[in-house]
């Protein structure tokens, strides 16, 4: 399994989850876990996803998510699980 962490942050608007999840499904990326909250109008979502069956490289996934984020007015970050773990070690 090749896991990535996807985070989405920004002002809440209609369709954020639908747009991100549709792209991931069409790219054959499996969402293993998802959490989302809205606090005082700000949207925050974190996903753990498996990109093992995705035909495109991680850089292309990241670029597409960046474009989706721009169109929705949110910031989307996608990084390998091991890099995320090392960045958030205490």
N, C-alpha and C. Protein backbone atom coordinates (compact mmCIF):
# COMPACT_ATOMS: atom_id res chain seq x y z
N UNK A 1 0.84 -1.18 0.00
CA UNK A 1 0.00 0.00 0.00
C UNK A 1 0.89 1.24 0.00
N UNK A 2 0.54 2.18 -0.83
CA UNK A 2 1.28 3.44 -0.92
C UNK A 2 0.36 4.56 -0.43
N UNK A 3 0.55 4.97 0.83
CA UNK A 3 -0.36 5.93 1.46
C UNK A 3 0.11 7.36 1.30
N UNK A 4 -0.89 8.25 1.17
CA UNK A 4 -0.64 9.69 1.16
C UNK A 4 -1.59 10.34 2.16
N UNK A 5 -1.18 11.51 2.64
CA UNK A 5 -2.02 12.33 3.50
C UNK A 5 -2.45 13.53 2.67
N UNK A 6 -3.76 13.75 2.60
CA UNK A 6 -4.31 14.88 1.85
C UNK A 6 -5.01 15.79 2.85
N UNK A 7 -4.63 17.07 2.86
CA UNK A 7 -5.30 18.02 3.75
C UNK A 7 -5.89 19.15 2.91
N UNK A 8 -7.06 19.60 3.33
CA UNK A 8 -7.77 20.66 2.64
C UNK A 8 -8.18 21.69 3.69
N UNK A 9 -7.80 22.95 3.47
CA UNK A 9 -8.08 24.01 4.43
C UNK A 9 -8.50 25.27 3.69
N UNK A 10 -9.54 25.94 4.20
CA UNK A 10 -9.95 27.21 3.62
C UNK A 10 -11.36 27.57 4.01
N UNK A 11 -11.86 28.66 3.45
CA UNK A 11 -13.24 29.08 3.70
C UNK A 11 -14.18 28.01 3.18
N UNK A 12 -15.21 27.73 3.97
CA UNK A 12 -16.18 26.71 3.57
C UNK A 12 -17.00 27.18 2.37
N UNK A 13 -17.21 26.28 1.44
CA UNK A 13 -18.02 26.54 0.27
C UNK A 13 -18.66 25.23 -0.18
N UNK A 14 -19.71 25.31 -0.93
CA UNK A 14 -20.41 24.12 -1.41
C UNK A 14 -19.53 23.34 -2.38
N UNK A 15 -19.47 22.03 -2.20
CA UNK A 15 -18.84 21.15 -3.19
C UNK A 15 -17.40 20.78 -2.97
N UNK A 16 -16.79 21.19 -1.86
CA UNK A 16 -15.37 20.88 -1.64
C UNK A 16 -15.16 19.37 -1.58
N UNK A 17 -15.90 18.70 -0.70
CA UNK A 17 -15.73 17.25 -0.56
C UNK A 17 -16.06 16.54 -1.87
N UNK A 18 -17.16 16.93 -2.50
CA UNK A 18 -17.57 16.29 -3.75
C UNK A 18 -16.49 16.41 -4.82
N UNK A 19 -15.94 17.59 -4.96
CA UNK A 19 -14.95 17.82 -6.03
C UNK A 19 -13.67 17.04 -5.79
N UNK A 20 -13.16 17.07 -4.55
CA UNK A 20 -11.92 16.36 -4.22
C UNK A 20 -12.13 14.84 -4.35
N UNK A 21 -13.22 14.35 -3.77
CA UNK A 21 -13.47 12.90 -3.79
C UNK A 21 -13.77 12.39 -5.19
N UNK A 22 -14.43 13.18 -6.02
CA UNK A 22 -14.68 12.78 -7.41
C UNK A 22 -13.36 12.64 -8.16
N UNK A 23 -12.46 13.61 -8.00
CA UNK A 23 -11.16 13.51 -8.65
C UNK A 23 -10.42 12.25 -8.19
N UNK A 24 -10.41 12.00 -6.88
CA UNK A 24 -9.70 10.83 -6.36
C UNK A 24 -10.32 9.54 -6.89
N UNK A 25 -11.63 9.44 -6.91
CA UNK A 25 -12.30 8.23 -7.42
C UNK A 25 -11.98 8.02 -8.90
N UNK A 26 -12.04 9.09 -9.69
CA UNK A 26 -11.73 8.98 -11.12
C UNK A 26 -10.27 8.62 -11.36
N UNK A 27 -9.41 8.92 -10.41
CA UNK A 27 -7.97 8.61 -10.52
C UNK A 27 -7.62 7.26 -9.91
N UNK A 28 -8.63 6.54 -9.43
CA UNK A 28 -8.44 5.22 -8.82
C UNK A 28 -7.63 5.30 -7.52
N UNK A 29 -7.87 6.36 -6.77
CA UNK A 29 -7.26 6.55 -5.45
C UNK A 29 -8.31 6.15 -4.41
N UNK A 30 -7.94 5.25 -3.51
CA UNK A 30 -8.87 4.78 -2.49
C UNK A 30 -8.70 5.58 -1.21
N UNK A 31 -9.80 6.13 -0.70
CA UNK A 31 -9.78 6.87 0.57
C UNK A 31 -9.94 5.86 1.69
N UNK A 32 -8.93 5.76 2.55
CA UNK A 32 -8.96 4.82 3.67
C UNK A 32 -9.60 5.42 4.91
N UNK A 33 -9.40 6.70 5.11
CA UNK A 33 -9.94 7.37 6.29
C UNK A 33 -10.14 8.85 5.95
N UNK A 34 -11.16 9.45 6.54
CA UNK A 34 -11.44 10.86 6.25
C UNK A 34 -12.05 11.51 7.49
N UNK A 35 -11.64 12.74 7.73
CA UNK A 35 -12.18 13.53 8.83
C UNK A 35 -12.35 14.95 8.33
N UNK A 36 -13.48 15.57 8.65
CA UNK A 36 -13.68 16.95 8.24
C UNK A 36 -14.45 17.70 9.30
N UNK A 37 -14.10 18.97 9.43
CA UNK A 37 -14.79 19.85 10.37
C UNK A 37 -14.96 21.22 9.74
N UNK A 38 -15.94 21.94 10.24
CA UNK A 38 -16.15 23.33 9.85
C UNK A 38 -16.22 24.12 11.15
N UNK A 39 -15.31 25.07 11.29
CA UNK A 39 -15.25 25.89 12.49
C UNK A 39 -15.37 27.35 12.07
N UNK A 40 -16.44 27.99 12.49
CA UNK A 40 -16.71 29.41 12.21
C UNK A 40 -16.49 29.74 10.73
N UNK A 41 -17.00 28.88 9.86
CA UNK A 41 -16.94 29.14 8.43
C UNK A 41 -15.68 28.67 7.74
N UNK A 42 -14.76 28.08 8.49
CA UNK A 42 -13.52 27.56 7.89
C UNK A 42 -13.57 26.04 7.82
N UNK A 43 -13.27 25.53 6.64
CA UNK A 43 -13.34 24.10 6.35
C UNK A 43 -11.97 23.47 6.56
N UNK A 44 -11.95 22.30 7.18
CA UNK A 44 -10.71 21.56 7.38
C UNK A 44 -11.00 20.08 7.15
N UNK A 45 -10.27 19.45 6.25
CA UNK A 45 -10.45 18.03 5.97
C UNK A 45 -9.08 17.37 5.88
N UNK A 46 -9.01 16.17 6.41
CA UNK A 46 -7.79 15.38 6.32
C UNK A 46 -8.17 13.97 5.89
N UNK A 47 -7.42 13.45 4.93
CA UNK A 47 -7.67 12.11 4.41
C UNK A 47 -6.40 11.30 4.42
N UNK A 48 -6.55 10.01 4.62
CA UNK A 48 -5.48 9.06 4.36
C UNK A 48 -5.96 8.26 3.17
N UNK A 49 -5.16 8.23 2.11
CA UNK A 49 -5.57 7.58 0.87
C UNK A 49 -4.47 6.66 0.36
N UNK A 50 -4.89 5.66 -0.40
CA UNK A 50 -3.97 4.70 -1.01
C UNK A 50 -3.89 4.98 -2.51
N UNK A 51 -2.68 5.30 -3.00
CA UNK A 51 -2.49 5.61 -4.42
C UNK A 51 -1.86 4.45 -5.19
N UNK A 52 -1.83 3.26 -4.59
CA UNK A 52 -1.20 2.10 -5.22
C UNK A 52 -1.76 1.78 -6.60
N UNK A 53 -3.07 1.95 -6.79
CA UNK A 53 -3.71 1.59 -8.05
C UNK A 53 -3.88 2.76 -9.01
N UNK A 54 -3.35 3.91 -8.63
CA UNK A 54 -3.45 5.11 -9.46
C UNK A 54 -2.37 5.06 -10.54
N UNK A 55 -2.76 5.33 -11.78
CA UNK A 55 -1.82 5.26 -12.90
C UNK A 55 -0.91 6.49 -12.99
N UNK A 56 -1.32 7.61 -12.40
CA UNK A 56 -0.50 8.82 -12.52
C UNK A 56 0.48 8.93 -11.36
N UNK A 57 1.63 9.59 -11.60
CA UNK A 57 2.60 9.77 -10.52
C UNK A 57 2.09 10.77 -9.47
N UNK A 58 2.68 10.70 -8.29
CA UNK A 58 2.27 11.57 -7.18
C UNK A 58 2.34 13.04 -7.58
N UNK A 59 3.35 13.45 -8.31
CA UNK A 59 3.48 14.86 -8.70
C UNK A 59 2.28 15.33 -9.53
N UNK A 60 1.75 14.46 -10.36
CA UNK A 60 0.57 14.81 -11.17
C UNK A 60 -0.67 14.90 -10.30
N UNK A 61 -0.80 13.98 -9.36
CA UNK A 61 -1.91 14.04 -8.40
C UNK A 61 -1.85 15.37 -7.65
N UNK A 62 -0.66 15.73 -7.17
CA UNK A 62 -0.48 16.97 -6.43
C UNK A 62 -0.84 18.19 -7.28
N UNK A 63 -0.41 18.20 -8.53
CA UNK A 63 -0.71 19.34 -9.41
C UNK A 63 -2.22 19.46 -9.65
N UNK A 64 -2.87 18.33 -9.87
CA UNK A 64 -4.32 18.35 -10.09
C UNK A 64 -5.06 18.83 -8.84
N UNK A 65 -4.63 18.37 -7.67
CA UNK A 65 -5.25 18.82 -6.43
C UNK A 65 -5.00 20.30 -6.19
N UNK A 66 -3.82 20.79 -6.54
CA UNK A 66 -3.53 22.23 -6.44
C UNK A 66 -4.52 23.03 -7.29
N UNK A 67 -4.76 22.56 -8.52
CA UNK A 67 -5.68 23.25 -9.43
C UNK A 67 -7.11 23.23 -8.90
N UNK A 68 -7.51 22.08 -8.35
CA UNK A 68 -8.85 21.97 -7.77
C UNK A 68 -8.97 22.93 -6.59
N UNK A 69 -7.94 22.96 -5.74
CA UNK A 69 -7.93 23.86 -4.60
C UNK A 69 -8.05 25.31 -5.02
N UNK A 70 -7.30 25.69 -6.05
CA UNK A 70 -7.36 27.07 -6.55
C UNK A 70 -8.77 27.42 -7.01
N UNK A 71 -9.40 26.51 -7.73
CA UNK A 71 -10.74 26.78 -8.26
C UNK A 71 -11.78 26.87 -7.14
N UNK A 72 -11.54 26.19 -6.01
CA UNK A 72 -12.46 26.21 -4.89
C UNK A 72 -12.12 27.26 -3.83
N UNK A 73 -10.95 27.87 -3.96
CA UNK A 73 -10.52 28.86 -2.98
C UNK A 73 -10.02 28.26 -1.68
N UNK A 74 -9.50 27.02 -1.76
CA UNK A 74 -8.93 26.35 -0.59
C UNK A 74 -7.52 25.89 -0.92
N UNK A 75 -6.79 25.52 0.10
CA UNK A 75 -5.43 25.00 -0.09
C UNK A 75 -5.46 23.49 0.12
N UNK A 76 -4.96 22.76 -0.87
CA UNK A 76 -4.92 21.29 -0.79
C UNK A 76 -3.47 20.85 -0.84
N UNK A 77 -3.07 20.06 0.14
CA UNK A 77 -1.72 19.51 0.20
C UNK A 77 -1.83 17.99 0.18
N UNK A 78 -0.94 17.36 -0.58
CA UNK A 78 -0.89 15.91 -0.68
C UNK A 78 0.56 15.49 -0.54
N UNK A 79 0.85 14.65 0.45
CA UNK A 79 2.23 14.19 0.63
C UNK A 79 2.26 12.74 1.09
N UNK A 80 3.35 12.11 0.79
CA UNK A 80 3.51 10.71 1.20
C UNK A 80 3.41 10.60 2.72
N UNK A 81 2.85 9.49 3.18
CA UNK A 81 2.64 9.30 4.61
C UNK A 81 3.96 9.36 5.38
N UNK A 82 5.01 8.76 4.87
CA UNK A 82 6.28 8.75 5.61
C UNK A 82 6.87 10.15 5.76
N UNK A 83 6.69 11.01 4.77
CA UNK A 83 7.17 12.39 4.87
C UNK A 83 6.33 13.15 5.90
N UNK A 84 5.02 12.97 5.85
CA UNK A 84 4.13 13.60 6.81
C UNK A 84 4.50 13.19 8.23
N UNK A 85 4.74 11.89 8.43
CA UNK A 85 5.10 11.38 9.77
C UNK A 85 6.40 12.02 10.26
N UNK A 86 7.40 12.13 9.40
CA UNK A 86 8.68 12.70 9.80
C UNK A 86 8.56 14.19 10.11
N UNK A 87 7.70 14.88 9.38
CA UNK A 87 7.52 16.32 9.61
C UNK A 87 6.80 16.58 10.93
N UNK A 88 5.99 15.64 11.40
CA UNK A 88 5.18 15.86 12.59
C UNK A 88 5.63 15.02 13.78
N UNK A 89 6.87 14.56 13.74
CA UNK A 89 7.43 13.85 14.89
C UNK A 89 7.79 14.82 16.00
N UNK A 90 7.60 14.38 17.20
CA UNK A 90 7.95 15.24 18.35
C UNK A 90 9.37 14.92 18.78
